[in-house]
Amino acid sequence: MPQRETDGDAVVPLCERGTPLRGGTDHERDPEVLRPAEVPVPEPGPREVLVRTEATGVNFIETYQRSGVYPVDFPFTAGSEGTGEVVAVGSEVTTVRTGQRVATSEATRTYAQFFTVEEDKALPVPDGMDPQTAGALPLQGLTAHYLVRSTFPVQPGQTAVVTAASGGVGGLAIQLLKRIGATVIALTSTPDKAATAKRLGADHVLGYEGFAERVRELTDGLGADVVYDSVGRTTFDESLAATRVRGTTVLFGGSSGQVPPLDLQRLNSSGALYVTRPSLAYYTRDRDERTWRWGELMEAVTSGGLEVRVGATYPLDDAATAHHDLESRGTQGKLL
């Protein structure tokens, strides 16, 4: 049996309803369906560890699951990202010990006081790193890393457009791009967000209206080598128009809604463009890849070269408020 240091029940916010896209009303999709409940503390499997949660990240994927964009079984406890102290390990765990602090973006049910995660997906947290930094970095940090290092491996001197540039992924992507030596054009929706993007290193900051034309003006008519678009429905057409011949548009989110089906002939007529829709799971396929990405992020943070921003923190019982705030698109940085 695994060694454990806790017993009893844990508090989690549960969605307790049917999947909304199968007959649910708009009201049933609202954040208020997240309600506190007590459930048993989970038991780690043979290759899993049990973590006492210090912080858990709030991400758009959980709003998609809650609202029915991504179907899940109910009752449902949200959350894939978290950090905390290991309090129990499975019988076959060899690389993680009790008392160690870990972080992950690949767990389940992390909106809870305790969660389990596979040993290979538990990333070591350096001594002295505070819980907010450790909790804010896994999903958005690894996402920013795979976008600029793998999906479109940006080279020095290339131009990248970043939507939602003051957000969690956007702010980290700006900094990683500048470390590479790229020119960054940031897109934001308010003066405060524009100031944040500029402070993080963006070379140019634009609003969303007509941004494709402005991007071409800034690039001598060529367009950007890559556009990283997490906004989706309201920006995608402009993102294509802002991309240079044989450039790449990377759609990695849909905070404004999902992009309608695309006629591939548009890519031909727009300049033989490339479009991809990546997700983190396909860029953390094994332990070696996770270790490489996490190691580069940890080096950047501990050296002072990467600022991890936390926009707001909430008690566990206020998960619904956190979802409201995230979906308003009025926040900056990471919500925990």
C-alpha atoms as a PDB file:
ATOM      1  CA  MET A   1       0.000   0.000   0.000  1.00  0.00           C
ATOM      2  CA  PRO A   2       1.246   3.552  -0.600  1.00  0.00           C
ATOM      3  CA  GLN A   3       2.552   5.491   2.347  1.00  0.00           C
ATOM      4  CA  ARG A   4       0.237   8.398   3.133  1.00  0.00           C
ATOM      5  CA  GLU A   5       0.098  11.295   5.537  1.00  0.00           C
ATOM      6  CA  THR A   6      -3.579  12.201   5.269  1.00  0.00           C
ATOM      7  CA  ASP A   7      -6.973  10.585   5.618  1.00  0.00           C
ATOM      8  CA  GLY A   8     -10.562  11.653   5.262  1.00  0.00           C
ATOM      9  CA  ASP A   9     -12.396  13.834   2.795  1.00  0.00           C
ATOM     10  CA  ALA A  10     -11.300  16.737   0.630  1.00  0.00           C
ATOM     11  CA  VAL A  11     -13.245  19.725  -0.659  1.00  0.00           C
ATOM     12  CA  VAL A  12     -13.628  20.132  -4.433  1.00  0.00           C
ATOM     13  CA  PRO A  13     -15.894  22.247  -6.668  1.00  0.00           C
ATOM     14  CA  LEU A  14     -18.089  19.863  -8.677  1.00  0.00           C
ATOM     15  CA  CYS A  15     -20.126  20.370 -11.839  1.00  0.00           C
ATOM     16  CA  GLU A  16     -23.343  18.499 -11.100  1.00  0.00           C
ATOM     17  CA  ARG A  17     -25.443  18.432 -14.239  1.00  0.00           C
ATOM     18  CA  GLY A  18     -25.799  16.797 -17.630  1.00  0.00           C
ATOM     19  CA  THR A  19     -23.522  17.754 -20.507  1.00  0.00           C
ATOM     20  CA  PRO A  20     -24.983  21.082 -21.737  1.00  0.00           C
ATOM     21  CA  LEU A  21     -24.531  20.414 -25.432  1.00  0.00           C
ATOM     22  CA  ARG A  22     -26.923  17.494 -25.018  1.00  0.00           C
ATOM     23  CA  GLY A  23     -29.935  19.554 -24.147  1.00  0.00           C
ATOM     24  CA  GLY A  24     -28.640  21.890 -21.422  1.00  0.00           C
ATOM     25  CA  THR A  25     -29.697  25.524 -21.260  1.00  0.00           C
ATOM     26  CA  ASP A  26     -27.389  28.526 -21.368  1.00  0.00           C
ATOM     27  CA  HIS A  27     -27.904  28.946 -17.629  1.00  0.00           C
ATOM     28  CA  GLU A  28     -26.647  25.396 -17.041  1.00  0.00           C
ATOM     29  CA  ARG A  29     -23.397  26.359 -18.741  1.00  0.00           C
ATOM     30  CA  ASP A  30     -22.718  29.272 -16.384  1.00  0.00           C
ATOM     31  CA  PRO A  31     -19.812  29.199 -13.884  1.00  0.00           C
ATOM     32  CA  GLU A  32     -22.279  28.891 -10.979  1.00  0.00           C
ATOM     33  CA  VAL A  33     -22.595  25.175 -11.721  1.00  0.00           C
ATOM     34  CA  LEU A  34     -19.245  24.859  -9.924  1.00  0.00           C
ATOM     35  CA  ARG A  35     -20.222  24.089  -6.332  1.00  0.00           C
ATOM     36  CA  PRO A  36     -18.151  22.918  -3.338  1.00  0.00           C
ATOM     37  CA  ALA A  37     -18.511  19.283  -2.289  1.00  0.00           C
ATOM     38  CA  GLU A  38     -16.685  16.837  -0.055  1.00  0.00           C
ATOM     39  CA  VAL A  39     -15.265  13.705  -1.653  1.00  0.00           C
ATOM     40  CA  PRO A  40     -12.780  11.089  -0.403  1.00  0.00           C
ATOM     41  CA  VAL A  41      -9.087  11.922  -0.683  1.00  0.00           C
ATOM     42  CA  PRO A  42      -7.904   9.995  -3.782  1.00  0.00           C
ATOM     43  CA  GLU A  43      -5.592   6.997  -3.486  1.00  0.00           C
ATOM     44  CA  PRO A  44      -2.496   7.108  -5.727  1.00  0.00           C
ATOM     45  CA  GLY A  45      -2.098   4.213  -8.119  1.00  0.00           C
ATOM     46  CA  PRO A  46       1.127   2.180  -8.298  1.00  0.00           C
ATOM     47  CA  ARG A  47       2.882   4.759 -10.542  1.00  0.00           C
ATOM     48  CA  GLU A  48       1.162   7.850  -9.122  1.00  0.00           C
ATOM     49  CA  VAL A  49       1.826  10.327  -6.341  1.00  0.00           C
ATOM     50  CA  LEU A  50      -0.661  12.119  -4.092  1.00  0.00           C
ATOM     51  CA  VAL A  51      -0.139  15.872  -3.807  1.00  0.00           C
ATOM     52  CA  ARG A  52      -1.473  18.242  -1.148  1.00  0.00           C
ATOM     53  CA  THR A  53      -2.432  21.243  -3.260  1.00  0.00           C
ATOM     54  CA  GLU A  54      -0.757  24.606  -2.689  1.00  0.00           C
ATOM     55  CA  ALA A  55      -2.095  26.253  -5.856  1.00  0.00           C
ATOM     56  CA  THR A  56      -4.006  25.217  -8.949  1.00  0.00           C
ATOM     57  CA  GLY A  57      -4.176  27.057 -12.255  1.00  0.00           C
ATOM     58  CA  VAL A  58      -7.390  28.332 -13.828  1.00  0.00           C
ATOM     59  CA  ASN A  59      -7.375  27.811 -17.591  1.00  0.00           C
ATOM     60  CA  PHE A  60      -9.691  28.212 -20.552  1.00  0.00           C
ATOM     61  CA  ILE A  61      -9.866  24.454 -21.073  1.00  0.00           C
ATOM     62  CA  GLU A  62     -11.817  24.166 -17.820  1.00  0.00           C
ATOM     63  CA  THR A  63     -14.340  26.734 -19.062  1.00  0.00           C
ATOM     64  CA  TYR A  64     -14.711  24.717 -22.273  1.00  0.00           C
ATOM     65  CA  GLN A  65     -15.309  21.549 -20.235  1.00  0.00           C
ATOM     66  CA  ARG A  66     -17.760  23.272 -17.901  1.00  0.00           C
ATOM     67  CA  SER A  67     -19.758  24.830 -20.744  1.00  0.00           C
ATOM     68  CA  GLY A  68     -19.860  21.744 -22.957  1.00  0.00           C
ATOM     69  CA  VAL A  69     -17.462  22.774 -25.746  1.00  0.00           C
ATOM     70  CA  TYR A  70     -15.404  19.755 -24.656  1.00  0.00           C
ATOM     71  CA  PRO A  71     -17.695  16.952 -23.456  1.00  0.00           C
ATOM     72  CA  VAL A  72     -16.942  15.393 -20.062  1.00  0.00           C
ATOM     73  CA  ASP A  73     -18.817  13.084 -17.738  1.00  0.00           C
ATOM     74  CA  PHE A  74     -20.668  14.646 -14.802  1.00  0.00           C
ATOM     75  CA  PRO A  75     -20.356  15.099 -11.875  1.00  0.00           C
ATOM     76  CA  PHE A  76     -16.988  16.547 -12.838  1.00  0.00           C
ATOM     77  CA  THR A  77     -14.096  18.026 -10.877  1.00  0.00           C
ATOM     78  CA  ALA A  78     -12.113  20.396 -13.089  1.00  0.00           C
ATOM     79  CA  GLY A  79      -8.399  21.082 -13.232  1.00  0.00           C
ATOM     80  CA  SER A  80      -5.271  19.653 -14.821  1.00  0.00           C
ATOM     81  CA  GLU A  81      -2.657  22.037 -13.414  1.00  0.00           C
ATOM     82  CA  GLY A  82      -1.377  22.265  -9.875  1.00  0.00           C
ATOM     83  CA  THR A  83       1.524  22.357  -7.481  1.00  0.00           C
ATOM     84  CA  GLY A  84       2.086  21.185  -3.945  1.00  0.00           C
ATOM     85  CA  GLU A  85       3.796  18.758  -1.606  1.00  0.00           C
ATOM     86  CA  VAL A  86       3.878  15.021  -2.255  1.00  0.00           C
ATOM     87  CA  VAL A  87       2.250  13.300   0.744  1.00  0.00           C
ATOM     88  CA  ALA A  88       2.005   9.732  -0.581  1.00  0.00           C
ATOM     89  CA  VAL A  89       3.576   7.679  -3.357  1.00  0.00           C
ATOM     90  CA  GLY A  90       2.469   4.532  -5.154  1.00  0.00           C
ATOM     91  CA  SER A  91       4.195   1.204  -4.663  1.00  0.00           C
ATOM     92  CA  GLU A  92       6.139   1.425  -7.969  1.00  0.00           C
ATOM     93  CA  VAL A  93       7.223   5.078  -7.760  1.00  0.00           C
ATOM     94  CA  THR A  94      11.015   5.435  -7.862  1.00  0.00           C
ATOM     95  CA  THR A  95      11.853   9.043  -8.782  1.00  0.00           C
ATOM     96  CA  VAL A  96       9.553  11.090  -6.528  1.00  0.00           C
ATOM     97  CA  ARG A  97       9.581  11.056  -2.729  1.00  0.00           C
ATOM     98  CA  THR A  98       7.214  12.215  -0.010  1.00  0.00           C
ATOM     99  CA  GLY A  99       7.955  15.744   1.122  1.00  0.00           C
ATOM    100  CA  GLN A 100       9.092  16.789  -2.360  1.00  0.00           C
ATOM    101  CA  ARG A 101       7.351  19.706  -4.064  1.00  0.00           C
ATOM    102  CA  VAL A 102       6.146  19.126  -7.606  1.00  0.00           C
ATOM    103  CA  ALA A 103       4.111  20.864 -10.289  1.00  0.00           C
ATOM    104  CA  THR A 104       2.190  19.542 -13.267  1.00  0.00           C
ATOM    105  CA  SER A 105      -0.113  20.472 -16.113  1.00  0.00           C
ATOM    106  CA  GLU A 106      -1.145  16.867 -16.738  1.00  0.00           C
ATOM    107  CA  ALA A 107      -3.078  15.802 -13.660  1.00  0.00           C
ATOM    108  CA  THR A 108      -6.852  15.535 -13.218  1.00  0.00           C
ATOM    109  CA  ARG A 109      -9.241  17.021 -10.643  1.00  0.00           C
ATOM    110  CA  THR A 110      -6.785  19.628  -9.370  1.00  0.00           C
ATOM    111  CA  TYR A 111      -9.568  21.995  -8.222  1.00  0.00           C
ATOM    112  CA  ALA A 112      -9.228  20.188  -4.907  1.00  0.00           C
ATOM    113  CA  GLN A 113      -7.269  20.037  -1.678  1.00  0.00           C
ATOM    114  CA  PHE A 114      -5.491  16.876  -2.923  1.00  0.00           C
ATOM    115  CA  PHE A 115      -4.862  15.460  -6.388  1.00  0.00           C
ATOM    116  CA  THR A 116      -3.000  12.552  -7.938  1.00  0.00           C
ATOM    117  CA  VAL A 117      -0.626  12.622 -10.889  1.00  0.00           C
ATOM    118  CA  GLU A 118       1.494  10.075 -12.698  1.00  0.00           C
ATOM    119  CA  GLU A 119       5.108   9.977 -11.543  1.00  0.00           C
ATOM    120  CA  ASP A 120       6.506  10.870 -14.988  1.00  0.00           C
ATOM    121  CA  LYS A 121       4.216  13.921 -15.187  1.00  0.00           C
ATOM    122  CA  ALA A 122       5.253  15.358 -11.810  1.00  0.00           C
ATOM    123  CA  LEU A 123       7.810  18.107 -12.450  1.00  0.00           C
ATOM    124  CA  PRO A 124      10.281  19.020  -9.691  1.00  0.00           C
ATOM    125  CA  VAL A 125       9.904  22.471  -8.129  1.00  0.00           C
ATOM    126  CA  PRO A 126      13.236  24.088  -7.180  1.00  0.00           C
ATOM    127  CA  ASP A 127      13.902  24.800  -3.526  1.00  0.00           C
ATOM    128  CA  GLY A 128      12.753  28.261  -2.560  1.00  0.00           C
ATOM    129  CA  MET A 129      10.306  28.738  -5.443  1.00  0.00           C
ATOM    130  CA  ASP A 130       7.049  30.137  -4.077  1.00  0.00           C
ATOM    131  CA  PRO A 131       3.757  28.288  -4.678  1.00  0.00           C
ATOM    132  CA  GLN A 132       2.292  31.043  -6.846  1.00  0.00           C
ATOM    133  CA  THR A 133       5.193  30.944  -9.304  1.00  0.00           C
ATOM    134  CA  ALA A 134       5.247  27.139  -9.342  1.00  0.00           C
ATOM    135  CA  GLY A 135       1.479  26.990  -9.819  1.00  0.00           C
ATOM    136  CA  ALA A 136       1.389  29.624 -12.545  1.00  0.00           C
ATOM    137  CA  LEU A 137       4.038  28.131 -14.803  1.00  0.00           C
ATOM    138  CA  PRO A 138       3.262  24.535 -15.877  1.00  0.00           C
ATOM    139  CA  LEU A 139       0.469  24.862 -18.429  1.00  0.00           C
ATOM    140  CA  GLN A 140       1.086  28.350 -19.728  1.00  0.00           C
ATOM    141  CA  GLY A 141       4.866  28.130 -19.509  1.00  0.00           C
ATOM    142  CA  LEU A 142       5.049  24.789 -21.296  1.00  0.00           C
ATOM    143  CA  THR A 143       2.545  26.070 -23.860  1.00  0.00           C
ATOM    144  CA  ALA A 144       4.577  29.196 -24.587  1.00  0.00           C
ATOM    145  CA  HIS A 145       7.701  27.031 -24.829  1.00  0.00           C
ATOM    146  CA  TYR A 146       6.324  24.551 -27.349  1.00  0.00           C
ATOM    147  CA  LEU A 147       4.791  27.338 -29.443  1.00  0.00           C
ATOM    148  CA  VAL A 148       8.023  29.294 -29.950  1.00  0.00           C
ATOM    149  CA  ARG A 149      10.494  26.401 -29.799  1.00  0.00           C
ATOM    150  CA  SER A 150       8.651  23.631 -31.651  1.00  0.00           C
ATOM    151  CA  THR A 151       5.341  24.438 -33.384  1.00  0.00           C
ATOM    152  CA  PHE A 152       7.058  27.256 -35.246  1.00  0.00           C
ATOM    153  CA  PRO A 153      10.716  27.273 -34.172  1.00  0.00           C
ATOM    154  CA  VAL A 154      11.340  31.004 -34.263  1.00  0.00           C
ATOM    155  CA  GLN A 155      14.759  32.148 -35.418  1.00  0.00           C
ATOM    156  CA  PRO A 156      16.602  35.386 -34.589  1.00  0.00           C
ATOM    157  CA  GLY A 157      15.357  38.253 -36.725  1.00  0.00           C
ATOM    158  CA  GLN A 158      11.974  36.721 -37.551  1.00  0.00           C
ATOM    159  CA  THR A 159       8.714  38.531 -36.750  1.00  0.00           C
ATOM    160  CA  ALA A 160       6.036  37.011 -34.532  1.00  0.00           C
ATOM    161  CA  VAL A 161       2.555  38.314 -33.740  1.00  0.00           C
ATOM    162  CA  VAL A 162       1.148  37.384 -30.321  1.00  0.00           C
ATOM    163  CA  THR A 163      -2.556  37.810 -29.552  1.00  0.00           C
ATOM    164  CA  ALA A 164      -3.769  38.252 -25.961  1.00  0.00           C
ATOM    165  CA  ALA A 165      -0.244  39.441 -25.335  1.00  0.00           C
ATOM    166  CA  SER A 166      -0.742  40.498 -21.728  1.00  0.00           C
ATOM    167  CA  GLY A 167      -2.252  37.167 -20.741  1.00  0.00           C
ATOM    168  CA  GLY A 168      -0.454  34.248 -19.165  1.00  0.00           C
ATOM    169  CA  VAL A 169       0.738  32.487 -22.326  1.00  0.00           C
ATOM    170  CA  GLY A 170       1.114  35.718 -24.271  1.00  0.00           C
ATOM    171  CA  GLY A 171       3.289  37.404 -21.678  1.00  0.00           C
ATOM    172  CA  LEU A 172       5.567  34.396 -21.373  1.00  0.00           C
ATOM    173  CA  ALA A 173       5.729  33.993 -25.163  1.00  0.00           C
ATOM    174  CA  ILE A 174       6.836  37.616 -25.581  1.00  0.00           C
ATOM    175  CA  GLN A 175       9.707  37.060 -23.173  1.00  0.00           C
ATOM    176  CA  LEU A 176      10.792  33.758 -24.738  1.00  0.00           C
ATOM    177  CA  LEU A 177      10.652  35.292 -28.211  1.00  0.00           C
ATOM    178  CA  LYS A 178      12.834  38.211 -27.154  1.00  0.00           C
ATOM    179  CA  ARG A 179      15.350  35.781 -25.602  1.00  0.00           C
ATOM    180  CA  ILE A 180      15.596  34.181 -29.052  1.00  0.00           C
ATOM    181  CA  GLY A 181      16.041  37.533 -30.778  1.00  0.00           C
ATOM    182  CA  ALA A 182      12.716  37.837 -32.604  1.00  0.00           C
ATOM    183  CA  THR A 183      10.734  40.985 -33.347  1.00  0.00           C
ATOM    184  CA  VAL A 184       7.449  40.807 -31.425  1.00  0.00           C
ATOM    185  CA  ILE A 185       4.190  42.504 -32.417  1.00  0.00           C
ATOM    186  CA  ALA A 186       1.776  42.265 -29.487  1.00  0.00           C
ATOM    187  CA  LEU A 187      -2.008  42.554 -29.736  1.00  0.00           C
ATOM    188  CA  THR A 188      -3.970  43.804 -26.723  1.00  0.00           C
ATOM    189  CA  SER A 189      -7.419  45.236 -26.024  1.00  0.00           C
ATOM    190  CA  THR A 190      -6.784  48.029 -23.484  1.00  0.00           C
ATOM    191  CA  PRO A 191      -4.121  50.651 -22.719  1.00  0.00           C
ATOM    192  CA  ASP A 192      -3.218  48.880 -19.463  1.00  0.00           C
ATOM    193  CA  LYS A 193      -2.663  45.612 -21.295  1.00  0.00           C
ATOM    194  CA  ALA A 194      -0.665  47.418 -23.974  1.00  0.00           C
ATOM    195  CA  ALA A 195       1.596  48.864 -21.296  1.00  0.00           C
ATOM    196  CA  THR A 196       2.128  45.396 -19.835  1.00  0.00           C
ATOM    197  CA  ALA A 197       3.054  43.906 -23.210  1.00  0.00           C
ATOM    198  CA  LYS A 198       5.505  46.744 -23.843  1.00  0.00           C
ATOM    199  CA  ARG A 199       7.090  46.286 -20.420  1.00  0.00           C
ATOM    200  CA  LEU A 200       7.548  42.569 -21.110  1.00  0.00           C
ATOM    201  CA  GLY A 201       9.551  43.379 -24.227  1.00  0.00           C
ATOM    202  CA  ALA A 202       7.183  43.677 -27.192  1.00  0.00           C
ATOM    203  CA  ASP A 203       8.657  45.791 -29.978  1.00  0.00           C
ATOM    204  CA  HIS A 204       5.254  46.999 -31.199  1.00  0.00           C
ATOM    205  CA  VAL A 205       1.831  46.928 -29.519  1.00  0.00           C
ATOM    206  CA  LEU A 206      -1.373  47.125 -31.551  1.00  0.00           C
ATOM    207  CA  GLY A 207      -5.102  46.963 -30.943  1.00  0.00           C
ATOM    208  CA  TYR A 208      -7.220  44.351 -32.673  1.00  0.00           C
ATOM    209  CA  GLU A 209      -9.137  46.466 -35.162  1.00  0.00           C
ATOM    210  CA  GLY A 210      -7.546  46.128 -38.592  1.00  0.00           C
ATOM    211  CA  PHE A 211      -4.351  44.682 -37.141  1.00  0.00           C
ATOM    212  CA  ALA A 212      -3.412  42.769 -40.313  1.00  0.00           C
ATOM    213  CA  GLU A 213      -2.864  45.993 -42.254  1.00  0.00           C
ATOM    214  CA  ARG A 214      -0.770  47.441 -39.418  1.00  0.00           C
ATOM    215  CA  VAL A 215       1.346  44.272 -39.214  1.00  0.00           C
ATOM    216  CA  ARG A 216       2.086  44.545 -42.924  1.00  0.00           C
ATOM    217  CA  GLU A 217       3.005  48.206 -42.541  1.00  0.00           C
ATOM    218  CA  LEU A 218       5.461  47.283 -39.790  1.00  0.00           C
ATOM    219  CA  THR A 219       7.007  44.527 -41.929  1.00  0.00           C
ATOM    220  CA  ASP A 220       7.430  46.487 -45.186  1.00  0.00           C
ATOM    221  CA  GLY A 221       4.371  44.807 -46.676  1.00  0.00           C
ATOM    222  CA  LEU A 222       5.579  41.255 -46.079  1.00  0.00           C
ATOM    223  CA  GLY A 223       3.565  40.170 -43.046  1.00  0.00           C
ATOM    224  CA  ALA A 224       4.670  38.181 -40.011  1.00  0.00           C
ATOM    225  CA  ASP A 225       6.581  34.925 -40.169  1.00  0.00           C
ATOM    226  CA  VAL A 226       4.206  33.492 -37.561  1.00  0.00           C
ATOM    227  CA  VAL A 227       1.000  34.591 -35.854  1.00  0.00           C
ATOM    228  CA  TYR A 228       0.175  32.950 -32.522  1.00  0.00           C
ATOM    229  CA  ASP A 229      -3.609  33.244 -32.141  1.00  0.00           C
ATOM    230  CA  SER A 230      -5.351  32.190 -28.926  1.00  0.00           C
ATOM    231  CA  VAL A 231      -8.426  34.387 -29.406  1.00  0.00           C
ATOM    232  CA  GLY A 232      -9.981  32.399 -32.238  1.00  0.00           C
ATOM    233  CA  ARG A 233     -13.253  33.310 -33.886  1.00  0.00           C
ATOM    234  CA  THR A 234     -12.928  37.116 -33.861  1.00  0.00           C
ATOM    235  CA  THR A 235      -9.253  37.282 -34.873  1.00  0.00           C
ATOM    236  CA  PHE A 236      -8.568  34.297 -37.109  1.00  0.00           C
ATOM    237  CA  ASP A 237      -9.309  35.950 -40.469  1.00  0.00           C
ATOM    238  CA  GLU A 238      -7.064  38.890 -39.582  1.00  0.00           C
ATOM    239  CA  SER A 239      -4.386  36.471 -38.383  1.00  0.00           C
ATOM    240  CA  LEU A 240      -4.324  34.802 -41.799  1.00  0.00           C
ATOM    241  CA  ALA A 241      -4.182  38.203 -43.485  1.00  0.00           C
ATOM    242  CA  ALA A 242      -1.258  39.239 -41.272  1.00  0.00           C
ATOM    243  CA  THR A 243       0.819  36.163 -42.176  1.00  0.00           C
ATOM    244  CA  ARG A 244       3.474  36.444 -44.855  1.00  0.00           C
ATOM    245  CA  VAL A 245       3.788  34.195 -47.930  1.00  0.00           C
ATOM    246  CA  ARG A 246       4.580  30.647 -46.778  1.00  0.00           C
ATOM    247  CA  GLY A 247       4.219  31.833 -43.177  1.00  0.00           C
ATOM    248  CA  THR A 248       2.387  30.038 -40.384  1.00  0.00           C
ATOM    249  CA  THR A 249      -0.722  30.849 -38.394  1.00  0.00           C
ATOM    250  CA  VAL A 250      -0.812  28.943 -35.114  1.00  0.00           C
ATOM    251  CA  LEU A 251      -4.307  28.704 -33.617  1.00  0.00           C
ATOM    252  CA  PHE A 252      -3.968  27.473 -30.052  1.00  0.00           C
ATOM    253  CA  GLY A 253      -7.140  28.693 -28.355  1.00  0.00           C
ATOM    254  CA  GLY A 254     -10.568  30.194 -28.757  1.00  0.00           C
ATOM    255  CA  SER A 255     -11.268  32.704 -26.010  1.00  0.00           C
ATOM    256  CA  SER A 256     -13.722  34.538 -28.317  1.00  0.00           C
ATOM    257  CA  GLY A 257     -15.270  31.318 -29.636  1.00  0.00           C
ATOM    258  CA  GLN A 258     -14.308  28.481 -31.917  1.00  0.00           C
ATOM    259  CA  VAL A 259     -13.167  29.129 -35.503  1.00  0.00           C
ATOM    260  CA  PRO A 260     -15.625  27.880 -38.155  1.00  0.00           C
ATOM    261  CA  PRO A 261     -14.523  25.198 -40.647  1.00  0.00           C
ATOM    262  CA  LEU A 262     -11.851  26.463 -43.034  1.00  0.00           C
ATOM    263  CA  ASP A 263     -11.801  26.163 -46.836  1.00  0.00           C
ATOM    264  CA  LEU A 264      -8.222  25.073 -47.528  1.00  0.00           C
ATOM    265  CA  GLN A 265      -8.208  27.018 -50.799  1.00  0.00           C
ATOM    266  CA  ARG A 266      -7.960  30.160 -48.667  1.00  0.00           C
ATOM    267  CA  LEU A 267      -4.463  29.100 -47.687  1.00  0.00           C
ATOM    268  CA  ASN A 268      -3.536  28.835 -51.355  1.00  0.00           C
ATOM    269  CA  SER A 269      -4.939  32.220 -52.351  1.00  0.00           C
ATOM    270  CA  SER A 270      -3.427  33.898 -49.273  1.00  0.00           C
ATOM    271  CA  GLY A 271       0.122  32.892 -50.126  1.00  0.00           C
ATOM    272  CA  ALA A 272       0.577  29.147 -49.593  1.00  0.00           C
ATOM    273  CA  LEU A 273       0.084  29.594 -45.846  1.00  0.00           C
ATOM    274  CA  TYR A 274       0.463  26.984 -43.150  1.00  0.00           C
ATOM    275  CA  VAL A 275      -2.135  26.646 -40.377  1.00  0.00           C
ATOM    276  CA  THR A 276      -1.874  24.386 -37.359  1.00  0.00           C
ATOM    277  CA  ARG A 277      -3.994  23.760 -34.265  1.00  0.00           C
ATOM    278  CA  PRO A 278      -1.629  22.340 -31.622  1.00  0.00           C
ATOM    279  CA  SER A 279      -2.212  21.376 -28.009  1.00  0.00           C
ATOM    280  CA  LEU A 280       0.152  20.740 -25.143  1.00  0.00           C
ATOM    281  CA  ALA A 281      -0.451  16.997 -24.914  1.00  0.00           C
ATOM    282  CA  TYR A 282       1.254  16.460 -28.281  1.00  0.00           C
ATOM    283  CA  TYR A 283       4.331  18.425 -27.196  1.00  0.00           C
ATOM    284  CA  THR A 284       4.877  16.639 -23.884  1.00  0.00           C
ATOM    285  CA  ARG A 285       4.699  13.098 -25.186  1.00  0.00           C
ATOM    286  CA  ASP A 286       7.339  11.551 -22.946  1.00  0.00           C
ATOM    287  CA  ARG A 287       9.438  12.250 -19.898  1.00  0.00           C
ATOM    288  CA  ASP A 288      12.464  13.436 -21.890  1.00  0.00           C
ATOM    289  CA  GLU A 289      10.430  16.100 -23.707  1.00  0.00           C
ATOM    290  CA  ARG A 290       8.806  17.304 -20.479  1.00  0.00           C
ATOM    291  CA  THR A 291      12.167  17.449 -18.736  1.00  0.00           C
ATOM    292  CA  TRP A 292      13.716  19.494 -21.564  1.00  0.00           C
ATOM    293  CA  ARG A 293      10.900  22.044 -21.695  1.00  0.00           C
ATOM    294  CA  TRP A 294      10.573  22.348 -17.907  1.00  0.00           C
ATOM    295  CA  GLY A 295      14.331  22.603 -17.486  1.00  0.00           C
ATOM    296  CA  GLU A 296      14.590  25.521 -19.922  1.00  0.00           C
ATOM    297  CA  LEU A 297      11.726  27.297 -18.177  1.00  0.00           C
ATOM    298  CA  MET A 298      13.223  26.760 -14.717  1.00  0.00           C
ATOM    299  CA  GLU A 299      16.588  28.082 -15.900  1.00  0.00           C
ATOM    300  CA  ALA A 300      14.919  31.184 -17.322  1.00  0.00           C
ATOM    301  CA  VAL A 301      12.935  31.837 -14.140  1.00  0.00           C
ATOM    302  CA  THR A 302      15.716  31.205 -11.638  1.00  0.00           C
ATOM    303  CA  SER A 303      18.171  33.337 -13.649  1.00  0.00           C
ATOM    304  CA  GLY A 304      15.741  36.236 -13.570  1.00  0.00           C
ATOM    305  CA  GLY A 305      15.174  36.169 -17.322  1.00  0.00           C
ATOM    306  CA  LEU A 306      11.502  35.156 -17.228  1.00  0.00           C
ATOM    307  CA  GLU A 307       8.862  36.992 -15.224  1.00  0.00           C
ATOM    308  CA  VAL A 308       5.905  34.845 -14.140  1.00  0.00           C
ATOM    309  CA  ARG A 309       2.902  37.069 -13.465  1.00  0.00           C
ATOM    310  CA  VAL A 310      -0.042  36.116 -11.250  1.00  0.00           C
ATOM    311  CA  GLY A 311      -3.104  38.218 -11.997  1.00  0.00           C
ATOM    312  CA  ALA A 312      -5.376  37.042  -9.170  1.00  0.00           C
ATOM    313  CA  THR A 313      -5.823  34.301  -6.595  1.00  0.00           C
ATOM    314  CA  TYR A 314      -9.108  32.868  -5.275  1.00  0.00           C
ATOM    315  CA  PRO A 315     -10.185  30.563  -2.459  1.00  0.00           C
ATOM    316  CA  LEU A 316     -11.236  27.126  -3.687  1.00  0.00           C
ATOM    317  CA  ASP A 317     -14.898  27.896  -2.950  1.00  0.00           C
ATOM    318  CA  ASP A 318     -14.728  30.827  -5.406  1.00  0.00           C
ATOM    319  CA  ALA A 319     -13.940  28.745  -8.493  1.00  0.00           C
ATOM    320  CA  ALA A 320     -17.035  30.147 -10.199  1.00  0.00           C
ATOM    321  CA  THR A 321     -15.766  33.709  -9.724  1.00  0.00           C
ATOM    322  CA  ALA A 322     -12.423  32.721 -11.217  1.00  0.00           C
ATOM    323  CA  HIS A 323     -14.208  31.355 -14.297  1.00  0.00           C
ATOM    324  CA  HIS A 324     -16.280  34.541 -14.612  1.00  0.00           C
ATOM    325  CA  ASP A 325     -13.147  36.662 -14.465  1.00  0.00           C
ATOM    326  CA  LEU A 326     -11.222  34.550 -16.967  1.00  0.00           C
ATOM    327  CA  GLU A 327     -14.049  34.494 -19.497  1.00  0.00           C
ATOM    328  CA  SER A 328     -14.469  38.270 -19.226  1.00  0.00           C
ATOM    329  CA  ARG A 329     -11.045  38.637 -20.910  1.00  0.00           C
ATOM    330  CA  GLY A 330     -10.409  41.479 -18.496  1.00  0.00           C
ATOM    331  CA  THR A 331      -7.618  39.796 -16.562  1.00  0.00           C
ATOM    332  CA  GLN A 332      -3.851  39.897 -16.969  1.00  0.00           C
ATOM    333  CA  GLY A 333      -1.422  37.162 -16.049  1.00  0.00           C
ATOM    334  CA  LYS A 334      -2.252  33.847 -14.427  1.00  0.00           C
ATOM    335  CA  LEU A 335      -5.326  33.132 -12.310  1.00  0.00           C
ATOM    336  CA  LEU A 336      -4.808  30.718  -9.419  1.00  0.00           C
END
